[in-house]
Amino acid sequence: FVHASALEASGLRLLEPGQRVEFDLEAGRNGQEAHRLRIV
């Protein structure tokens, strides 16, 4: 699962099924959240 706001903040518009990404984890209100997504 990737939240739309994480995509937008990383400058991405959408992900295709099966597309591989890298990301950094940061502490959020409800646990860890993905930030700075990059398509690999």
PDB file of N, CA and C in Angstrom:
ATOM      1  N   PHE A   1       0.841  -1.183   0.000  1.00  0.00           N
ATOM      2  CA  PHE A   1       0.000   0.000   0.000  1.00  0.00           C
ATOM      3  C   PHE A   1       0.874   1.230   0.000  1.00  0.00           C
ATOM      4  N   VAL A   2       0.554   2.184  -0.846  1.00  0.00           N
ATOM      5  CA  VAL A   2       1.242   3.479  -0.870  1.00  0.00           C
ATOM      6  C   VAL A   2       0.172   4.555  -0.857  1.00  0.00           C
ATOM      7  N   HIS A   3       0.247   5.450   0.098  1.00  0.00           N
ATOM      8  CA  HIS A   3      -0.732   6.530   0.183  1.00  0.00           C
ATOM      9  C   HIS A   3      -0.472   7.544  -0.927  1.00  0.00           C
ATOM     10  N   ALA A   4      -1.532   8.076  -1.504  1.00  0.00           N
ATOM     11  CA  ALA A   4      -1.419   9.031  -2.605  1.00  0.00           C
ATOM     12  C   ALA A   4      -0.589  10.251  -2.229  1.00  0.00           C
ATOM     13  N   SER A   5      -0.660  10.683  -0.989  1.00  0.00           N
ATOM     14  CA  SER A   5       0.116  11.865  -0.581  1.00  0.00           C
ATOM     15  C   SER A   5       1.616  11.585  -0.622  1.00  0.00           C
ATOM     16  N   ALA A   6       2.032  10.340  -0.369  1.00  0.00           N
ATOM     17  CA  ALA A   6       3.452   9.983  -0.455  1.00  0.00           C
ATOM     18  C   ALA A   6       3.917  10.021  -1.906  1.00  0.00           C
ATOM     19  N   LEU A   7       3.077   9.568  -2.823  1.00  0.00           N
ATOM     20  CA  LEU A   7       3.413   9.658  -4.244  1.00  0.00           C
ATOM     21  C   LEU A   7       3.568  11.108  -4.663  1.00  0.00           C
ATOM     22  N   GLU A   8       2.579  11.911  -4.338  1.00  0.00           N
ATOM     23  CA  GLU A   8       2.579  13.318  -4.721  1.00  0.00           C
ATOM     24  C   GLU A   8       3.787  14.055  -4.154  1.00  0.00           C
ATOM     25  N   ALA A   9       4.103  13.818  -2.889  1.00  0.00           N
ATOM     26  CA  ALA A   9       5.235  14.486  -2.249  1.00  0.00           C
ATOM     27  C   ALA A   9       6.558  14.085  -2.899  1.00  0.00           C
ATOM     28  N   SER A  10       6.593  12.914  -3.532  1.00  0.00           N
ATOM     29  CA  SER A  10       7.808  12.436  -4.194  1.00  0.00           C
ATOM     30  C   SER A  10       7.853  12.826  -5.667  1.00  0.00           C
ATOM     31  N   GLY A  11       6.839  13.550  -6.129  1.00  0.00           N
ATOM     32  CA  GLY A  11       6.801  13.978  -7.519  1.00  0.00           C
ATOM     33  C   GLY A  11       6.312  12.910  -8.479  1.00  0.00           C
ATOM     34  N   LEU A  12       5.676  11.869  -7.959  1.00  0.00           N
ATOM     35  CA  LEU A  12       5.148  10.791  -8.795  1.00  0.00           C
ATOM     36  C   LEU A  12       3.642  10.945  -8.936  1.00  0.00           C
ATOM     37  N   ARG A  13       3.111  10.519 -10.091  1.00  0.00           N
ATOM     38  CA  ARG A  13       1.675  10.625 -10.311  1.00  0.00           C
ATOM     39  C   ARG A  13       0.957   9.318 -10.011  1.00  0.00           C
ATOM     40  N   LEU A  14       1.558   8.191 -10.388  1.00  0.00           N
ATOM     41  CA  LEU A  14       0.928   6.897 -10.148  1.00  0.00           C
ATOM     42  C   LEU A  14       1.968   5.804 -10.224  1.00  0.00           C
ATOM     43  N   LEU A  15       1.600   4.653  -9.722  1.00  0.00           N
ATOM     44  CA  LEU A  15       2.426   3.452  -9.813  1.00  0.00           C
ATOM     45  C   LEU A  15       1.635   2.390 -10.556  1.00  0.00           C
ATOM     46  N   GLU A  16       2.333   1.615 -11.350  1.00  0.00           N
ATOM     47  CA  GLU A  16       1.717   0.501 -12.061  1.00  0.00           C
ATOM     48  C   GLU A  16       1.844  -0.757 -11.200  1.00  0.00           C
ATOM     49  N   PRO A  17       0.896  -1.688 -11.304  1.00  0.00           N
ATOM     50  CA  PRO A  17       1.016  -2.947 -10.559  1.00  0.00           C
ATOM     51  C   PRO A  17       2.345  -3.633 -10.870  1.00  0.00           C
ATOM     52  N   GLY A  18       3.037  -4.066  -9.840  1.00  0.00           N
ATOM     53  CA  GLY A  18       4.307  -4.753  -9.993  1.00  0.00           C
ATOM     54  C   GLY A  18       5.514  -3.846 -10.122  1.00  0.00           C
ATOM     55  N   GLN A  19       5.282  -2.538 -10.224  1.00  0.00           N
ATOM     56  CA  GLN A  19       6.401  -1.603 -10.344  1.00  0.00           C
ATOM     57  C   GLN A  19       7.183  -1.571  -9.038  1.00  0.00           C
ATOM     58  N   ARG A  20       8.512  -1.587  -9.135  1.00  0.00           N
ATOM     59  CA  ARG A  20       9.364  -1.619  -7.945  1.00  0.00           C
ATOM     60  C   ARG A  20       9.739  -0.203  -7.539  1.00  0.00           C
ATOM     61  N   VAL A  21       9.736   0.028  -6.226  1.00  0.00           N
ATOM     62  CA  VAL A  21      10.114   1.335  -5.695  1.00  0.00           C
ATOM     63  C   VAL A  21      11.057   1.157  -4.507  1.00  0.00           C
ATOM     64  N   GLU A  22      11.811   2.196  -4.231  1.00  0.00           N
ATOM     65  CA  GLU A  22      12.587   2.308  -2.999  1.00  0.00           C
ATOM     66  C   GLU A  22      11.989   3.472  -2.241  1.00  0.00           C
ATOM     67  N   PHE A  23      12.151   3.462  -0.916  1.00  0.00           N
ATOM     68  CA  PHE A  23      11.608   4.547  -0.113  1.00  0.00           C
ATOM     69  C   PHE A  23      12.333   4.600   1.217  1.00  0.00           C
ATOM     70  N   ASP A  24      12.210   5.734   1.882  1.00  0.00           N
ATOM     71  CA  ASP A  24      12.747   5.912   3.226  1.00  0.00           C
ATOM     72  C   ASP A  24      11.596   5.819   4.208  1.00  0.00           C
ATOM     73  N   LEU A  25      11.836   5.217   5.359  1.00  0.00           N
ATOM     74  CA  LEU A  25      10.819   5.131   6.404  1.00  0.00           C
ATOM     75  C   LEU A  25      11.034   6.239   7.427  1.00  0.00           C
ATOM     76  N   GLU A  26       9.941   6.852   7.832  1.00  0.00           N
ATOM     77  CA  GLU A  26       9.970   7.871   8.877  1.00  0.00           C
ATOM     78  C   GLU A  26       8.825   7.607   9.844  1.00  0.00           C
ATOM     79  N   ALA A  27       9.007   8.032  11.073  1.00  0.00           N
ATOM     80  CA  ALA A  27       7.963   7.869  12.083  1.00  0.00           C
ATOM     81  C   ALA A  27       6.784   8.778  11.756  1.00  0.00           C
ATOM     82  N   GLY A  28       5.591   8.204  11.801  1.00  0.00           N
ATOM     83  CA  GLY A  28       4.367   8.963  11.590  1.00  0.00           C
ATOM     84  C   GLY A  28       3.487   8.876  12.824  1.00  0.00           C
ATOM     85  N   ARG A  29       2.302   9.423  12.739  1.00  0.00           N
ATOM     86  CA  ARG A  29       1.380   9.399  13.882  1.00  0.00           C
ATOM     87  C   ARG A  29       0.974   7.992  14.272  1.00  0.00           C
ATOM     88  N   ASN A  30       0.823   7.117  13.283  1.00  0.00           N
ATOM     89  CA  ASN A  30       0.347   5.755  13.547  1.00  0.00           C
ATOM     90  C   ASN A  30       1.395   4.699  13.214  1.00  0.00           C
ATOM     91  N   GLY A  31       2.647   5.055  13.319  1.00  0.00           N
ATOM     92  CA  GLY A  31       3.714   4.110  12.993  1.00  0.00           C
ATOM     93  C   GLY A  31       4.564   4.629  11.852  1.00  0.00           C
ATOM     94  N   GLN A  32       5.309   3.737  11.229  1.00  0.00           N
ATOM     95  CA  GLN A  32       6.213   4.147  10.164  1.00  0.00           C
ATOM     96  C   GLN A  32       5.461   4.454   8.879  1.00  0.00           C
ATOM     97  N   GLU A  33       5.990   5.443   8.136  1.00  0.00           N
ATOM     98  CA  GLU A  33       5.403   5.857   6.870  1.00  0.00           C
ATOM     99  C   GLU A  33       6.495   5.924   5.812  1.00  0.00           C
ATOM    100  N   ALA A  34       6.128   5.645   4.571  1.00  0.00           N
ATOM    101  CA  ALA A  34       7.063   5.737   3.453  1.00  0.00           C
ATOM    102  C   ALA A  34       7.184   7.188   3.004  1.00  0.00           C
ATOM    103  N   HIS A  35       8.418   7.609   2.770  1.00  0.00           N
ATOM    104  CA  HIS A  35       8.708   8.956   2.274  1.00  0.00           C
ATOM    105  C   HIS A  35       9.785   8.864   1.207  1.00  0.00           C
ATOM    106  N   ARG A  36       9.872   9.873   0.353  1.00  0.00           N
ATOM    107  CA  ARG A  36      10.886   9.959  -0.698  1.00  0.00           C
ATOM    108  C   ARG A  36      10.915   8.690  -1.562  1.00  0.00           C
ATOM    109  N   LEU A  37       9.774   8.380  -2.153  1.00  0.00           N
ATOM    110  CA  LEU A  37       9.671   7.215  -3.033  1.00  0.00           C
ATOM    111  C   LEU A  37      10.463   7.438  -4.312  1.00  0.00           C
ATOM    112  N   ARG A  38      11.099   6.367  -4.805  1.00  0.00           N
ATOM    113  CA  ARG A  38      11.856   6.400  -6.043  1.00  0.00           C
ATOM    114  C   ARG A  38      11.551   5.125  -6.823  1.00  0.00           C
ATOM    115  N   ILE A  39      11.268   5.263  -8.112  1.00  0.00           N
ATOM    116  CA  ILE A  39      11.061   4.095  -8.967  1.00  0.00           C
ATOM    117  C   ILE A  39      12.432   3.522  -9.309  1.00  0.00           C
ATOM    118  N   VAL A  40      12.565   2.195  -9.200  1.00  0.00           N
ATOM    119  CA  VAL A  40      13.849   1.538  -9.525  1.00  0.00           C
ATOM    120  C   VAL A  40      13.703   0.662 -10.751  1.00  0.00           C
TER     121      VAL A  40
END
